[in-house]
């Protein structure tokens, strides 16, 4: 069952104009825009759709306010899509909409759909790193990015009402693989045996399901820093970052926004195969961030903003 990643996310928002302003700054490419609907794409062709929150055709959100309303997973081929749906139908009710997209509501209440992936292969030119005795970047300076251009939609993180039921749905029903875990508290799952460290991460929060964040992939740490500074320069507020996750190894920067819970820029996560050994970790701040800057970096001075992380949304909360 080869789902190969996130193909589309759809947000329901109160203010379409403010969502457009954010996405223009975020670095995704506009496809179409009107007063009721926005369509943007990442560099690999993943779709970002924004609709008015009160649009009757939108699925219900996991929480009130601006939030993710639907997620579409891509499959490598029609054959693999058919295999996925056949297995899923033994676990849940699958309904096909007028747009020919089969959909199901997962145990957490999130509407997810499936299609043959429309994304195109994209190979980033990451900056080589020099180390003592092992130079890889020769006669070249590292780049300074004036802004970011997200490559794809790498993962989502959800708060789970019943985390064990949700874990079973994605592993047993959709064939996801476990990459790492906070036993009983959080599970990092990837949709392919070989691939990015996680496409879905779930955190236990009984009685209050919701979206923790949606993450966009960048080429390397230089683009994370350049993109984050550019967003700060435009006045968008950092939730936390830049920083580095010890679980997944990725560099990150999270921003508040008018679409959803925080959106994340990230790069340089672990790549897993069948030989990857899932770890069991304690849910504590040090395992969310090896290091991080609360408040971010000021876009004008390019120096740290003095702030406290009072968001209460970190993995150790």
Protein backbone atom coordinates (compact mmCIF):
# COMPACT_ATOMS: atom_id res chain seq x y z
CA UNK A 1 0.00 0.00 0.00
CA UNK A 2 2.02 2.88 -1.30
CA UNK A 3 0.66 6.20 -0.24
CA UNK A 4 3.55 8.48 -1.03
CA UNK A 5 2.80 11.69 0.86
CA UNK A 6 0.45 14.61 1.33
CA UNK A 7 -1.01 15.87 -1.96
CA UNK A 8 -3.37 18.58 -0.75
CA UNK A 9 -4.47 20.47 2.32
CA UNK A 10 -7.66 22.52 2.56
CA UNK A 11 -8.14 25.24 5.15
CA UNK A 12 -11.33 26.99 6.23
CA UNK A 13 -10.73 30.62 7.26
CA UNK A 14 -12.61 33.75 8.27
CA UNK A 15 -10.52 36.21 6.25
CA UNK A 16 -9.59 35.20 2.69
CA UNK A 17 -7.65 38.43 2.05
CA UNK A 18 -5.45 37.94 5.12
CA UNK A 19 -4.87 34.28 4.17
CA UNK A 20 -3.75 35.43 0.72
CA UNK A 21 -1.33 37.94 2.22
CA UNK A 22 0.20 35.21 4.35
CA UNK A 23 0.55 32.67 1.52
CA UNK A 24 2.12 35.27 -0.77
CA UNK A 25 4.74 35.88 1.93
CA UNK A 26 5.09 32.15 2.75
CA UNK A 27 6.54 31.52 -0.71
CA UNK A 28 4.06 29.15 -2.33
CA UNK A 29 2.96 29.84 -5.92
CA UNK A 30 -0.50 31.30 -6.64
CA UNK A 31 -2.63 29.33 -9.12
CA UNK A 32 -5.96 31.12 -8.71
CA UNK A 33 -7.63 33.49 -6.28
CA UNK A 34 -11.03 35.03 -5.78
CA UNK A 35 -13.11 36.30 -2.86
CA UNK A 36 -14.17 32.78 -1.83
CA UNK A 37 -11.28 30.48 -2.74
CA UNK A 38 -7.50 30.47 -2.99
CA UNK A 39 -5.35 27.86 -4.72
CA UNK A 40 -1.58 27.80 -4.24
CA UNK A 41 1.05 25.16 -4.96
CA UNK A 42 4.42 24.16 -3.55
CA UNK A 43 7.38 23.51 -5.84
CA UNK A 44 6.51 19.82 -6.19
CA UNK A 45 2.89 20.58 -7.10
CA UNK A 46 1.22 19.92 -3.75
CA UNK A 47 -2.01 21.91 -3.52
CA UNK A 48 -2.87 24.41 -0.79
CA UNK A 49 -6.57 25.30 -0.92
CA UNK A 50 -8.23 27.98 1.21
CA UNK A 51 -12.02 28.34 1.47
CA UNK A 52 -14.29 30.49 3.56
CA UNK A 53 -14.93 28.78 6.88
CA UNK A 54 -18.70 28.90 6.48
CA UNK A 55 -18.69 27.21 3.06
CA UNK A 56 -21.35 24.45 3.41
CA UNK A 57 -19.43 21.93 1.30
CA UNK A 58 -16.39 22.00 3.59
CA UNK A 59 -16.00 19.08 6.01
CA UNK A 60 -16.25 19.90 9.69
CA UNK A 61 -13.06 20.94 11.44
CA UNK A 62 -11.56 19.28 14.49
CA UNK A 63 -11.79 22.60 16.31
CA UNK A 64 -13.51 25.97 15.93
CA UNK A 65 -11.96 28.89 14.08
CA UNK A 66 -9.43 28.89 11.27
CA UNK A 67 -8.20 25.33 10.83
CA UNK A 68 -7.37 22.45 8.51
CA UNK A 69 -10.60 21.01 7.14
CA UNK A 70 -9.37 18.25 4.84
CA UNK A 71 -6.20 16.42 3.85
CA UNK A 72 -5.67 14.46 0.62
CA UNK A 73 -3.07 11.68 0.53
CA UNK A 74 -1.38 10.77 -2.75
CA UNK A 75 -0.73 7.27 -4.07
CA UNK A 76 2.01 6.25 -6.50
CA UNK A 77 -0.42 4.74 -9.05
CA UNK A 78 -4.03 3.75 -9.57
CA UNK A 79 -3.06 0.17 -8.70
CA UNK A 80 -1.61 1.26 -5.36
CA UNK A 81 -4.56 3.54 -4.72
CA UNK A 82 -6.98 0.64 -5.32
CA UNK A 83 -4.99 -1.56 -2.91
CA UNK A 84 -5.09 1.13 -0.25
CA UNK A 85 -8.82 1.66 -0.61
CA UNK A 86 -9.58 -2.08 -0.57
CA UNK A 87 -7.75 -2.47 2.72
CA UNK A 88 -9.28 0.70 4.15
CA UNK A 89 -12.83 -0.42 3.38
CA UNK A 90 -12.40 -3.25 5.87
CA UNK A 91 -11.78 -0.64 8.59
CA UNK A 92 -13.99 2.35 7.72
CA UNK A 93 -16.75 3.69 5.51
CA UNK A 94 -15.32 5.17 2.30
CA UNK A 95 -17.47 7.56 0.26
CA UNK A 96 -16.62 9.02 -3.14
CA UNK A 97 -17.57 12.64 -3.76
CA UNK A 98 -18.72 14.42 -6.91
CA UNK A 99 -15.06 15.25 -7.56
CA UNK A 100 -14.27 11.48 -7.72
CA UNK A 101 -12.15 11.69 -4.57
CA UNK A 102 -12.75 8.78 -2.14
CA UNK A 103 -12.91 10.07 1.42
CA UNK A 104 -13.16 8.77 4.94
CA UNK A 105 -13.36 10.38 8.37
CA UNK A 106 -10.54 9.09 10.56
CA UNK A 107 -11.13 8.17 14.24
CA UNK A 108 -10.09 11.66 15.28
CA UNK A 109 -12.76 13.31 13.11
CA UNK A 110 -10.45 14.57 10.33
CA UNK A 111 -11.71 14.10 6.77
CA UNK A 112 -9.02 12.55 4.58
CA UNK A 113 -9.15 11.75 0.87
CA UNK A 114 -7.06 9.79 -1.60
CA UNK A 115 -5.97 10.29 -5.20
CA UNK A 116 -3.22 9.25 -7.59
CA UNK A 117 -0.57 11.78 -6.70
CA UNK A 118 -0.33 14.91 -8.82
CA UNK A 119 3.01 15.86 -7.31
CA UNK A 120 6.10 15.81 -9.47
CA UNK A 121 9.49 14.53 -8.37
CA UNK A 122 11.65 17.34 -7.04
CA UNK A 123 15.33 17.11 -6.19
CA UNK A 124 16.58 19.94 -4.02
CA UNK A 125 20.10 21.28 -4.40
CA UNK A 126 21.03 21.35 -0.74
CA UNK A 127 24.11 23.27 0.30
CA UNK A 128 27.09 21.03 0.93
CA UNK A 129 28.71 21.16 4.37
CA UNK A 130 32.41 21.42 5.07
CA UNK A 131 33.94 19.52 7.97
CA UNK A 132 37.56 19.34 9.11
CA UNK A 133 39.35 16.99 6.74
CA UNK A 134 36.20 16.46 4.70
CA UNK A 135 35.42 19.54 2.58
CA UNK A 136 32.36 19.16 0.35
CA UNK A 137 31.74 22.79 -0.59
CA UNK A 138 34.86 23.95 -2.35
CA UNK A 139 35.45 27.46 -3.70
CA UNK A 140 31.82 28.28 -2.95
CA UNK A 141 30.15 30.36 -0.24
CA UNK A 142 27.00 29.16 1.49
CA UNK A 143 23.91 30.99 0.22
CA UNK A 144 21.86 33.63 1.93
CA UNK A 145 18.16 33.23 1.12
CA UNK A 146 16.01 36.33 0.83
CA UNK A 147 12.87 34.19 1.26
CA UNK A 148 11.73 30.57 1.22
CA UNK A 149 10.00 28.59 -1.54
CA UNK A 150 8.44 25.48 0.05
CA UNK A 151 9.06 22.24 -1.82
CA UNK A 152 6.19 20.20 -0.43
CA UNK A 153 3.79 19.59 2.46
CA UNK A 154 5.85 17.26 4.60
CA UNK A 155 3.65 16.39 7.56
CA UNK A 156 0.80 17.32 9.84
CA UNK A 157 0.64 17.00 13.60
CA UNK A 158 -2.67 16.37 15.32
CA UNK A 159 -3.94 16.24 18.87
CA UNK A 160 -5.67 12.88 19.26
CA UNK A 161 -8.84 12.25 21.21
CA UNK A 162 -8.14 8.47 21.30
CA UNK A 163 -4.52 8.06 20.33
CA UNK A 164 -4.45 4.25 20.28
CA UNK A 165 -7.48 4.08 17.97
CA UNK A 166 -5.89 6.68 15.69
CA UNK A 167 -2.56 4.84 15.68
CA UNK A 168 -4.26 1.57 14.75
CA UNK A 169 -6.24 3.23 11.95
CA UNK A 170 -3.15 4.57 10.21
CA UNK A 171 -0.88 1.58 10.81
CA UNK A 172 -3.35 -1.28 10.34
CA UNK A 173 -5.74 0.45 7.95
CA UNK A 174 -3.36 2.49 5.80
CA UNK A 175 -0.06 0.67 6.21
CA UNK A 176 1.90 3.49 7.85
CA UNK A 177 5.17 2.66 9.62
CA UNK A 178 6.16 3.71 13.13
CA UNK A 179 9.34 5.82 13.20
CA UNK A 180 9.52 6.89 16.86
CA UNK A 181 7.22 7.21 19.85
CA UNK A 182 6.48 8.71 23.19
CA UNK A 183 4.87 5.50 24.53
CA UNK A 184 1.20 6.16 25.17
CA UNK A 185 1.65 9.86 24.45
CA UNK A 186 2.77 10.34 20.84
CA UNK A 187 3.52 8.42 17.63
CA UNK A 188 5.60 9.52 14.63
CA UNK A 189 4.36 7.71 11.52
CA UNK A 190 5.58 7.66 7.92
CA UNK A 191 3.36 6.60 5.02
CA UNK A 192 6.09 4.61 3.23
CA UNK A 193 8.57 2.10 4.57
CA UNK A 194 11.35 4.17 3.04
CA UNK A 195 10.88 7.89 3.25
CA UNK A 196 10.82 10.98 5.41
CA UNK A 197 10.89 10.43 9.18
CA UNK A 198 7.19 11.24 9.54
CA UNK A 199 4.23 12.40 7.51
CA UNK A 200 1.88 12.24 10.50
CA UNK A 201 2.57 12.80 14.18
CA UNK A 202 -0.16 12.38 16.77
CA UNK A 203 -0.14 13.66 20.34
CA UNK A 204 -2.47 12.43 23.06
CA UNK A 205 -5.07 15.02 24.15
CA UNK A 206 -8.27 13.20 25.17
CA UNK A 207 -11.44 15.22 24.87
CA UNK A 208 -9.84 17.96 22.77
CA UNK A 209 -8.82 16.80 19.28
CA UNK A 210 -7.25 19.42 17.04
CA UNK A 211 -4.43 20.44 14.74
CA UNK A 212 -1.01 21.11 16.24
CA UNK A 213 0.67 22.29 13.04
CA UNK A 214 1.16 21.75 9.31
CA UNK A 215 4.75 21.57 8.02
CA UNK A 216 6.30 22.65 4.72
CA UNK A 217 9.59 21.21 3.48
CA UNK A 218 12.54 23.42 2.53
CA UNK A 219 15.90 22.55 0.98
CA UNK A 220 18.22 23.11 3.94
CA UNK A 221 18.89 25.07 7.10
CA UNK A 222 19.94 28.14 5.11
CA UNK A 223 16.47 28.34 3.54
CA UNK A 224 14.82 27.81 6.93
CA UNK A 225 16.75 30.76 8.35
CA UNK A 226 16.32 32.99 5.28
CA UNK A 227 12.63 32.17 4.98
CA UNK A 228 12.01 32.70 8.67
CA UNK A 229 13.73 36.07 8.71
CA UNK A 230 11.73 37.12 5.64
CA UNK A 231 8.46 36.19 7.37
CA UNK A 232 9.51 38.13 10.46
CA UNK A 233 10.34 41.11 8.27
CA UNK A 234 6.78 41.03 6.92
CA UNK A 235 5.44 41.17 10.47
CA UNK A 236 4.36 37.55 10.93
CA UNK A 237 4.78 36.38 14.51
CA UNK A 238 7.05 33.49 15.39
CA UNK A 239 5.56 30.83 17.63
CA UNK A 240 8.97 29.27 18.24
CA UNK A 241 12.15 29.01 16.21
CA UNK A 242 14.52 28.69 14.67
CA UNK A 243 15.49 25.47 16.39
CA UNK A 244 16.29 21.80 15.91
CA UNK A 245 14.32 18.68 16.77
CA UNK A 246 16.40 15.84 18.25
CA UNK A 247 13.67 13.39 17.17
CA UNK A 248 13.72 13.57 13.32
CA UNK A 249 16.86 15.79 13.41
CA UNK A 250 15.07 18.55 11.46
CA UNK A 251 15.71 22.28 11.72
CA UNK A 252 12.45 24.21 12.22
CA UNK A 253 10.73 27.58 12.46
CA UNK A 254 7.02 27.89 13.37
CA UNK A 255 4.80 30.87 12.53
CA UNK A 256 1.38 31.98 13.66
CA UNK A 257 -0.90 32.56 10.68
CA UNK A 258 -4.52 33.17 9.54
CA UNK A 259 -4.99 29.64 8.15
CA UNK A 260 -4.64 27.23 11.02
CA UNK A 261 -2.53 26.33 14.01
CA UNK A 262 1.12 27.23 13.41
CA UNK A 263 2.71 26.48 10.05
CA UNK A 264 6.26 25.18 10.05
CA UNK A 265 9.25 25.61 7.78
CA UNK A 266 11.60 22.64 8.21
CA UNK A 267 14.56 20.88 6.57
CA UNK A 268 17.09 18.07 7.01
CA UNK A 269 14.91 15.43 8.66
CA UNK A 270 15.97 11.80 9.01
CA UNK A 271 15.40 9.46 6.05
CA UNK A 272 14.17 6.04 7.16
CA UNK A 273 14.23 2.58 5.55
CA UNK A 274 13.11 -0.85 6.74
CA UNK A 275 16.32 -0.93 8.81
CA UNK A 276 15.33 2.12 10.88
CA UNK A 277 14.91 1.23 14.54
CA UNK A 278 12.03 3.13 16.20
CA UNK A 279 13.01 4.72 19.47
CA UNK A 280 11.01 5.14 22.65
CA UNK A 281 11.40 8.61 24.10
CA UNK A 282 10.23 10.49 27.14
CA UNK A 283 7.84 13.33 26.39
CA UNK A 284 9.79 16.31 27.68
CA UNK A 285 10.98 19.68 26.34
CA UNK A 286 14.49 18.45 25.50
CA UNK A 287 13.00 15.90 23.10
CA UNK A 288 10.94 18.54 21.32
CA UNK A 289 13.88 20.88 20.74
CA UNK A 290 17.58 20.24 21.19
CA UNK A 291 17.75 24.04 21.01
CA UNK A 292 15.30 26.76 19.99
CA UNK A 293 14.85 30.52 20.01
CA UNK A 294 11.63 31.68 21.63
CA UNK A 295 10.26 34.68 19.78
CA UNK A 296 12.35 34.19 16.67
CA UNK A 297 14.74 36.58 14.94
CA UNK A 298 13.84 40.16 14.15
CA UNK A 299 13.55 40.76 10.41
CA UNK A 300 15.31 44.13 10.52
CA UNK A 301 18.16 43.63 12.96
CA UNK A 302 18.55 39.89 12.28
CA UNK A 303 19.06 39.45 16.00
CA UNK A 304 17.15 37.39 18.53
CA UNK A 305 13.82 38.71 19.71
CA UNK A 306 13.68 38.52 23.49
CA UNK A 307 10.54 36.56 24.32
CA UNK A 308 9.10 33.69 26.30
CA UNK A 309 7.48 30.64 24.71
CA UNK A 310 4.08 30.75 26.39
CA UNK A 311 2.22 29.04 23.55
CA UNK A 312 1.51 25.82 25.44
CA UNK A 313 1.61 23.96 22.10
CA UNK A 314 5.03 22.30 22.31
CA UNK A 315 5.34 18.53 22.24
CA UNK A 316 6.21 18.56 25.93
CA UNK A 317 3.13 20.52 26.99
